[in-house]
Protein backbone atom coordinates (compact mmCIF):
# COMPACT_ATOMS: atom_id res chain seq x y z
CA MET A 1 -26.74 93.34 4.70
CA GLU A 2 -23.55 92.42 6.56
CA GLN A 3 -23.84 89.27 8.61
CA ARG A 4 -21.89 88.68 11.84
CA ASN A 5 -20.25 85.30 12.27
CA ASP A 6 -18.84 86.00 15.72
CA GLU A 7 -19.64 83.48 18.39
CA LEU A 8 -22.24 84.63 20.88
CA THR A 9 -20.87 84.81 24.42
CA THR A 10 -22.54 85.34 27.74
CA ASP A 11 -21.13 88.88 27.83
CA ASP A 12 -23.23 89.72 24.76
CA ILE A 13 -26.43 88.84 26.61
CA ASN A 14 -27.74 91.26 29.18
CA VAL A 15 -31.10 89.99 30.35
CA ASP A 16 -32.34 91.21 33.70
CA ILE A 17 -34.79 88.76 35.26
CA PRO A 18 -35.94 90.21 38.56
CA THR A 19 -36.97 86.93 40.16
CA ALA A 20 -36.81 88.51 43.57
CA ASP A 21 -39.55 90.92 42.54
CA ILE A 22 -41.95 88.11 41.66
CA PRO A 23 -44.30 87.48 44.60
CA ALA A 24 -43.89 84.09 46.24
CA GLU A 25 -47.55 83.27 45.71
CA GLU A 26 -47.12 83.81 41.98
CA GLN A 27 -44.11 81.49 41.80
CA LEU A 28 -45.37 78.65 43.99
CA GLY A 29 -49.11 79.12 44.19
CA LEU A 30 -51.00 80.29 47.26
CA SER A 31 -49.34 79.56 50.58
CA ASP A 32 -51.09 79.30 53.94
CA ASP A 33 -49.23 82.39 55.13
CA PHE A 34 -50.48 84.41 52.17
CA ILE A 35 -54.10 83.37 52.82
CA ARG A 36 -53.78 84.21 56.52
CA GLU A 37 -52.36 87.65 55.68
CA VAL A 38 -55.29 88.35 53.36
CA ILE A 39 -57.77 87.29 56.06
CA VAL A 40 -56.13 89.66 58.54
CA LEU A 41 -56.29 92.50 56.01
CA LEU A 42 -59.95 91.76 55.36
CA GLU A 43 -60.72 91.82 59.07
CA GLU A 44 -58.89 95.14 59.38
CA ASP A 45 -60.70 96.41 56.28
CA THR A 46 -57.55 97.78 54.61
CA THR A 47 -58.80 98.00 51.03
CA THR A 48 -55.65 99.42 49.44
CA ASP A 49 -53.37 96.80 51.00
CA ILE A 50 -55.68 94.01 49.87
CA ARG A 51 -55.64 95.23 46.27
CA GLU A 52 -51.86 95.46 46.29
CA LYS A 53 -51.56 92.03 47.88
CA CYS A 54 -53.84 90.36 45.32
CA ALA A 55 -52.80 92.34 42.25
CA HIS A 56 -50.76 89.52 40.70
CA LEU A 57 -53.17 86.62 41.25
CA ASN A 58 -54.26 84.62 38.22
CA ALA A 59 -57.74 83.15 37.84
CA PRO A 60 -57.13 79.74 39.53
CA ASP A 61 -55.30 81.32 42.47
CA ALA A 62 -57.99 83.98 42.91
CA ALA A 63 -60.63 81.23 42.95
CA GLU A 64 -58.65 79.30 45.58
CA LEU A 65 -58.38 82.44 47.70
CA LEU A 66 -62.12 83.10 47.48
CA THR A 67 -62.74 79.52 48.60
CA LYS A 68 -60.37 79.56 51.57
CA VAL A 69 -61.16 82.95 53.11
CA GLY A 70 -64.60 81.67 54.14
CA PRO A 71 -67.44 84.14 54.77
CA LEU A 72 -65.04 87.02 54.11
CA ARG A 73 -65.19 86.18 50.39
CA HIS A 74 -68.08 88.61 49.85
CA ARG A 75 -65.98 91.50 51.11
CA LEU A 76 -63.05 90.33 49.00
CA VAL A 77 -65.16 90.27 45.83
CA ASP A 78 -66.40 93.80 46.55
CA ILE A 79 -62.83 95.03 46.93
CA LEU A 80 -61.39 93.18 43.90
CA GLU A 81 -64.45 93.59 41.67
CA ASP A 82 -62.56 95.51 38.97
CA ASP A 83 -59.45 93.30 39.23
CA LEU A 84 -61.02 89.83 39.23
CA SER A 85 -60.93 88.07 35.88
CA PRO A 86 -64.32 86.66 34.80
CA GLU A 87 -62.52 83.34 34.35
CA THR A 88 -62.02 83.21 38.13
CA PHE A 89 -65.66 82.28 38.68
CA SER A 90 -65.40 79.26 36.36
CA TYR A 91 -62.97 77.64 38.85
CA LEU A 92 -65.33 77.92 41.83
CA SER A 93 -67.38 75.03 43.23
CA TYR A 94 -71.16 74.91 43.15
CA GLU A 95 -71.51 75.93 46.82
CA ILE A 96 -69.10 78.88 46.63
CA LEU A 97 -70.45 80.10 43.31
CA ASN A 98 -74.06 80.18 44.47
CA ASP A 99 -72.99 81.80 47.75
CA LEU A 100 -71.27 84.64 45.89
CA PHE A 101 -73.92 85.07 43.21
CA ALA A 102 -76.63 85.29 45.87
CA HIS A 103 -75.17 88.72 46.74
CA MET A 104 -74.80 89.91 43.12
CA SER A 105 -77.35 91.41 40.78
CA GLY A 106 -78.47 89.59 37.63
CA PRO A 107 -76.89 92.15 35.24
CA HIS A 108 -73.58 91.92 37.13
CA ILE A 109 -73.48 88.14 36.83
CA ALA A 110 -74.53 88.32 33.18
CA ALA A 111 -71.64 90.71 32.49
CA ILE A 112 -69.25 88.10 33.91
CA VAL A 113 -70.76 85.28 31.83
CA ASN A 114 -70.67 87.37 28.63
CA GLU A 115 -66.87 87.67 28.93
CA LEU A 116 -66.29 83.92 29.17
CA GLU A 117 -65.72 81.46 26.37
CA SER A 118 -68.80 79.42 25.52
CA ASP A 119 -67.73 76.23 27.34
CA ASP A 120 -66.91 78.15 30.53
CA ALA A 121 -70.16 80.13 30.26
CA ILE A 122 -72.20 76.92 30.02
CA HIS A 123 -70.34 75.36 32.95
CA LEU A 124 -70.94 78.43 35.11
CA ILE A 125 -74.65 78.73 34.27
CA ASP A 126 -75.10 75.00 34.81
CA GLU A 127 -73.73 75.33 38.35
CA LEU A 128 -76.51 77.74 39.37
CA ASP A 129 -79.85 76.80 40.81
CA GLU A 130 -82.84 76.92 38.45
CA THR A 131 -84.32 80.20 39.73
CA ARG A 132 -81.03 82.09 39.54
CA ARG A 133 -80.25 80.59 36.13
CA SER A 134 -83.50 81.84 34.60
CA GLU A 135 -82.92 85.34 35.97
CA ILE A 136 -79.39 85.60 34.56
CA MET A 137 -80.29 84.15 31.16
CA ARG A 138 -82.54 87.16 30.53
CA HIS A 139 -79.56 89.53 30.84
CA LEU A 140 -77.11 87.62 28.61
CA SER A 141 -76.20 88.81 25.15
CA ARG A 142 -78.06 87.14 22.30
CA LYS A 143 -74.98 85.24 21.13
CA VAL A 144 -74.03 83.92 24.57
CA ARG A 145 -77.61 83.04 25.46
CA ALA A 146 -78.01 81.00 22.27
CA ALA A 147 -74.76 79.12 22.97
CA VAL A 148 -75.75 78.43 26.60
CA GLU A 149 -79.25 77.23 25.68
CA GLU A 150 -77.82 74.92 23.03
CA GLY A 151 -75.22 73.52 25.41
CA LEU A 152 -77.70 72.87 28.21
CA ASN A 153 -79.77 70.74 25.82
CA PHE A 154 -77.01 68.12 25.76
CA PRO A 155 -76.80 65.47 28.51
CA GLU A 156 -74.78 66.30 31.60
CA GLU A 157 -71.08 65.38 31.45
CA SER A 158 -71.27 64.90 27.69
CA ALA A 159 -69.03 66.24 24.93
CA GLY A 160 -71.76 68.74 24.00
CA ARG A 161 -71.51 70.35 27.44
CA LEU A 162 -67.72 70.25 27.34
CA MET A 163 -67.07 71.65 23.86
CA GLN A 164 -66.07 75.19 22.98
CA ARG A 165 -68.12 76.81 20.22
CA GLU A 166 -65.36 79.20 19.10
CA PHE A 167 -63.15 77.49 16.52
CA VAL A 168 -61.47 78.13 13.16
CA ALA A 169 -62.89 76.36 10.10
CA VAL A 170 -62.10 76.99 6.42
CA PRO A 171 -63.12 75.38 3.08
CA GLN A 172 -60.85 72.71 1.63
CA PHE A 173 -60.39 74.53 -1.69
CA TRP A 174 -58.59 77.49 -0.07
CA THR A 175 -54.84 77.96 -0.20
CA ALA A 176 -52.45 78.44 2.70
CA GLY A 177 -52.00 82.10 1.74
CA LYS A 178 -55.72 82.83 1.71
CA THR A 179 -56.15 81.07 5.04
CA MET A 180 -53.39 83.14 6.64
CA ASP A 181 -54.94 86.34 5.28
CA TYR A 182 -58.30 85.26 6.70
CA LEU A 183 -56.81 84.63 10.15
CA ARG A 184 -55.14 88.05 10.18
CA ALA A 185 -58.27 89.91 9.07
CA ALA A 186 -60.82 88.01 11.19
CA ASN A 187 -62.69 89.84 13.92
CA GLU A 188 -61.44 88.96 17.41
CA ASP A 189 -65.01 88.27 18.53
CA ASP A 190 -65.33 85.53 15.90
CA MET A 191 -62.06 83.79 16.81
CA PRO A 192 -61.04 81.75 19.86
CA ASP A 193 -58.40 83.33 22.09
CA GLU A 194 -56.13 80.32 21.56
CA PHE A 195 -56.24 77.47 19.05
CA LEU A 196 -53.89 74.75 17.83
CA ASP A 197 -55.74 73.28 14.84
CA ILE A 198 -57.71 74.58 11.88
CA PHE A 199 -60.65 72.43 10.81
CA ILE A 200 -61.58 71.83 7.19
CA ILE A 201 -65.26 71.68 6.27
CA ASP A 202 -67.31 71.06 3.14
CA PRO A 203 -70.25 73.27 1.99
CA LYS A 204 -72.63 71.34 4.30
CA TYR A 205 -70.36 71.99 7.31
CA HIS A 206 -69.23 68.37 7.55
CA VAL A 207 -65.70 67.99 8.94
CA VAL A 208 -63.36 66.51 6.33
CA GLY A 209 -60.04 67.07 8.10
CA GLU A 210 -57.84 69.31 10.18
CA ILE A 211 -54.51 71.11 9.82
CA PRO A 212 -52.17 71.75 12.75
CA LEU A 213 -51.31 75.42 13.00
CA HIS A 214 -47.57 74.76 12.74
CA ARG A 215 -48.08 73.02 9.39
CA LEU A 216 -50.00 75.99 8.01
CA VAL A 217 -47.33 78.46 9.15
CA ARG A 218 -44.60 76.46 7.39
CA ALA A 219 -46.54 76.02 4.12
CA LYS A 220 -46.08 78.10 0.98
CA ARG A 221 -48.85 80.53 0.12
CA SER A 222 -49.68 78.59 -3.03
CA ASP A 223 -50.10 75.26 -1.21
CA THR A 224 -53.70 74.05 -1.15
CA ILE A 225 -55.47 73.25 2.09
CA ASP A 226 -56.68 69.95 0.67
CA ALA A 227 -53.07 68.77 0.26
CA MET A 228 -52.20 69.50 3.90
CA ILE A 229 -55.14 67.79 5.61
CA SER A 230 -54.28 65.30 8.33
CA GLU A 231 -55.63 61.84 7.64
CA ASP A 232 -55.96 60.67 11.27
CA LEU A 233 -58.93 62.87 12.19
CA ILE A 234 -60.97 61.82 15.23
CA LYS A 235 -64.55 63.08 15.46
CA ILE A 236 -66.30 63.23 18.82
CA PRO A 237 -70.12 62.72 18.91
CA ALA A 238 -71.81 65.47 20.93
CA THR A 239 -73.58 62.91 23.14
CA MET A 240 -70.42 60.95 24.09
CA ASP A 241 -69.66 60.82 27.82
CA GLN A 242 -66.78 63.05 28.89
CA GLU A 243 -64.89 60.13 30.46
CA GLU A 244 -64.87 58.34 27.11
CA VAL A 245 -63.66 61.56 25.45
CA ALA A 246 -60.81 61.73 27.97
CA ARG A 247 -59.83 58.14 27.15
CA ILE A 248 -59.74 58.97 23.43
CA PHE A 249 -57.49 61.99 24.02
CA ARG A 250 -55.16 59.98 26.25
CA ARG A 251 -54.98 57.02 23.87
CA SER A 252 -54.57 59.08 20.69
CA ALA A 253 -52.31 61.84 22.14
CA ILE A 254 -54.23 64.63 20.37
CA SER A 255 -54.49 68.29 21.38
CA SER A 256 -57.99 68.99 20.04
CA ALA A 257 -60.87 67.23 18.32
CA PRO A 258 -64.02 68.39 16.53
CA VAL A 259 -67.44 67.69 18.07
CA VAL A 260 -70.11 66.70 15.54
CA ASP A 261 -73.85 66.06 15.56
CA ASP A 262 -75.61 62.93 14.30
CA ASP A 263 -75.21 64.09 10.69
CA GLY A 264 -71.49 64.75 11.03
CA ARG A 265 -71.80 68.57 11.03
CA MET A 266 -69.31 70.40 13.20
CA LEU A 267 -70.70 71.94 16.39
CA GLY A 268 -67.58 72.84 18.34
CA VAL A 269 -64.17 71.69 19.49
CA ILE A 270 -62.76 70.05 22.61
CA THR A 271 -59.20 70.98 23.59
CA ILE A 272 -56.66 69.30 25.81
CA ASP A 273 -57.13 71.82 28.64
CA ASP A 274 -60.81 70.82 28.86
CA ILE A 275 -59.78 67.16 29.10
CA ALA A 276 -57.26 67.94 31.85
CA ASP A 277 -60.11 69.43 33.88
CA VAL A 278 -62.24 66.32 33.27
CA ILE A 279 -59.47 63.96 34.40
CA GLU A 280 -58.93 66.02 37.55
CA GLU A 281 -62.65 66.17 38.34
CA GLU A 282 -63.18 62.44 37.84
CA ALA A 283 -60.13 61.58 39.97
CA ALA A 284 -61.30 63.92 42.75
CA GLU A 285 -64.79 62.40 42.68
CA ASP A 286 -63.37 58.88 43.01
CA ILE A 287 -61.15 59.85 45.95
CA LEU A 288 -63.93 61.71 47.76
CA ARG A 289 -66.34 58.83 47.15
CA LEU A 290 -63.92 56.48 48.91
CA GLY A 291 -64.12 58.77 51.93
CA GLY A 292 -67.90 58.92 51.81
CA VAL A 293 -68.03 62.66 51.05
CA GLY A 294 -68.80 64.78 48.02
CA GLN A 295 -67.11 67.78 46.45
CA ALA A 296 -69.61 70.13 48.07
CA ASP A 297 -68.70 68.87 51.56
CA LEU A 298 -65.29 70.53 51.31
CA SER A 299 -66.82 74.02 51.41
CA ARG A 300 -70.05 73.39 53.31
CA ASP A 301 -70.66 74.36 56.91
CA ILE A 302 -69.37 71.79 59.42
CA LYS A 303 -72.80 71.39 60.98
CA GLU A 304 -74.46 70.68 57.62
CA THR A 305 -71.74 68.20 56.65
CA ALA A 306 -72.05 66.39 59.98
CA GLN A 307 -75.84 66.14 59.62
CA SER A 308 -75.57 64.73 56.10
CA ARG A 309 -72.98 62.14 57.14
CA PHE A 310 -74.57 61.14 60.46
CA PRO A 311 -76.72 58.27 59.02
CA TRP A 312 -73.67 56.63 57.45
CA LEU A 313 -71.55 57.18 60.56
CA PHE A 314 -74.34 55.68 62.69
CA VAL A 315 -74.49 52.57 60.46
CA ASN A 316 -70.71 52.16 60.75
CA LEU A 317 -70.87 52.55 64.52
CA PHE A 318 -73.73 50.04 64.81
CA THR A 319 -71.94 47.39 62.73
CA ALA A 320 -68.73 47.92 64.75
CA ILE A 321 -70.65 47.36 68.00
CA LEU A 322 -72.35 44.30 66.51
CA ALA A 323 -69.01 42.86 65.43
CA SER A 324 -67.47 43.40 68.87
CA THR A 325 -70.51 41.72 70.49
CA VAL A 326 -70.10 38.65 68.28
CA VAL A 327 -66.40 38.47 69.11
CA GLY A 328 -67.26 38.72 72.81
CA LEU A 329 -69.60 35.72 72.55
CA PHE A 330 -66.73 33.57 71.35
CA GLN A 331 -64.05 35.00 73.62
CA ALA A 332 -63.47 31.67 75.35
CA GLU A 333 -62.93 29.81 72.06
CA ILE A 334 -60.53 32.52 70.85
CA GLY A 335 -58.59 32.22 74.11
CA GLN A 336 -58.19 28.50 73.58
CA ILE A 337 -57.32 28.72 69.87
CA VAL A 338 -55.46 32.00 69.37
CA ALA A 339 -55.15 31.39 65.62
CA LEU A 340 -58.86 32.16 65.33
CA ALA A 341 -58.06 35.84 65.98
CA VAL A 342 -56.53 36.00 62.51
CA LEU A 343 -59.96 35.20 61.02
CA MET A 344 -61.85 37.89 62.94
CA PRO A 345 -61.60 40.56 60.20
């Protein structure tokens, strides 16, 4: 085959990137103007316009929109029911999720959960109240129900709750060629949607190593899996707290890690995107705790939030009045020695 050695110039490249056609909300995230426009459309009940307006939203943006449109979110879900990704519901807070699911049937909610990956399914079910959870569990598929029940047995905020049960594992005596053939022929239902590492197990399902996907792709078909195993494997106990898991990921700069039981058998895998969510959640909790509020207060009714915070606000007000009274008792001394004012705080 004849090979061209001509230099590639910009005239040889004709790539049309219609950036102007990309909605602003898709480029920069949801703007206040976009949310206001959707609220107006919901109030006017223009179903077609709403679907066109929200057609390009991804799961996180759709979840943000459902949170910020307030009580109109029920109407929005009814309109976008066929367009909303099941993943959207995994980004919603406890208050919003239970508010929406209170107006949905058990089979409808179960259909959403069945489409999620195991870690997202467990997180969503865990956010529900006990009565609603029991009702939905009856409608889940056998595979998803088993994964959810197993995950809920682990302590809250542990690696067992955080891990994804879909992963790729192969025996160490396979070759690179056989592994590639296995990946191509595997059923989509038995494989994760995305993965970066392949885990190596022995006959008792103990993890003996891992192989980054890029190393497998570059290997010859005759290369053995055992010869490509990474030596710096980090195993995460299923009962480890998620904050400790996040510290391990940050310190070791890894993209995924296997989760094992007390006997070292592989149960699942934690990926870097799960850890990013943990870091964000923990940081948000710390910031909100400094302000004396919780995550639920951001979406709760103003009256309920005020009632829950009133005792703490009353204590602050009482101590402020007490402090001012004490200062008033010594007003004459402070007037004589102004430097004492520095010590009042």
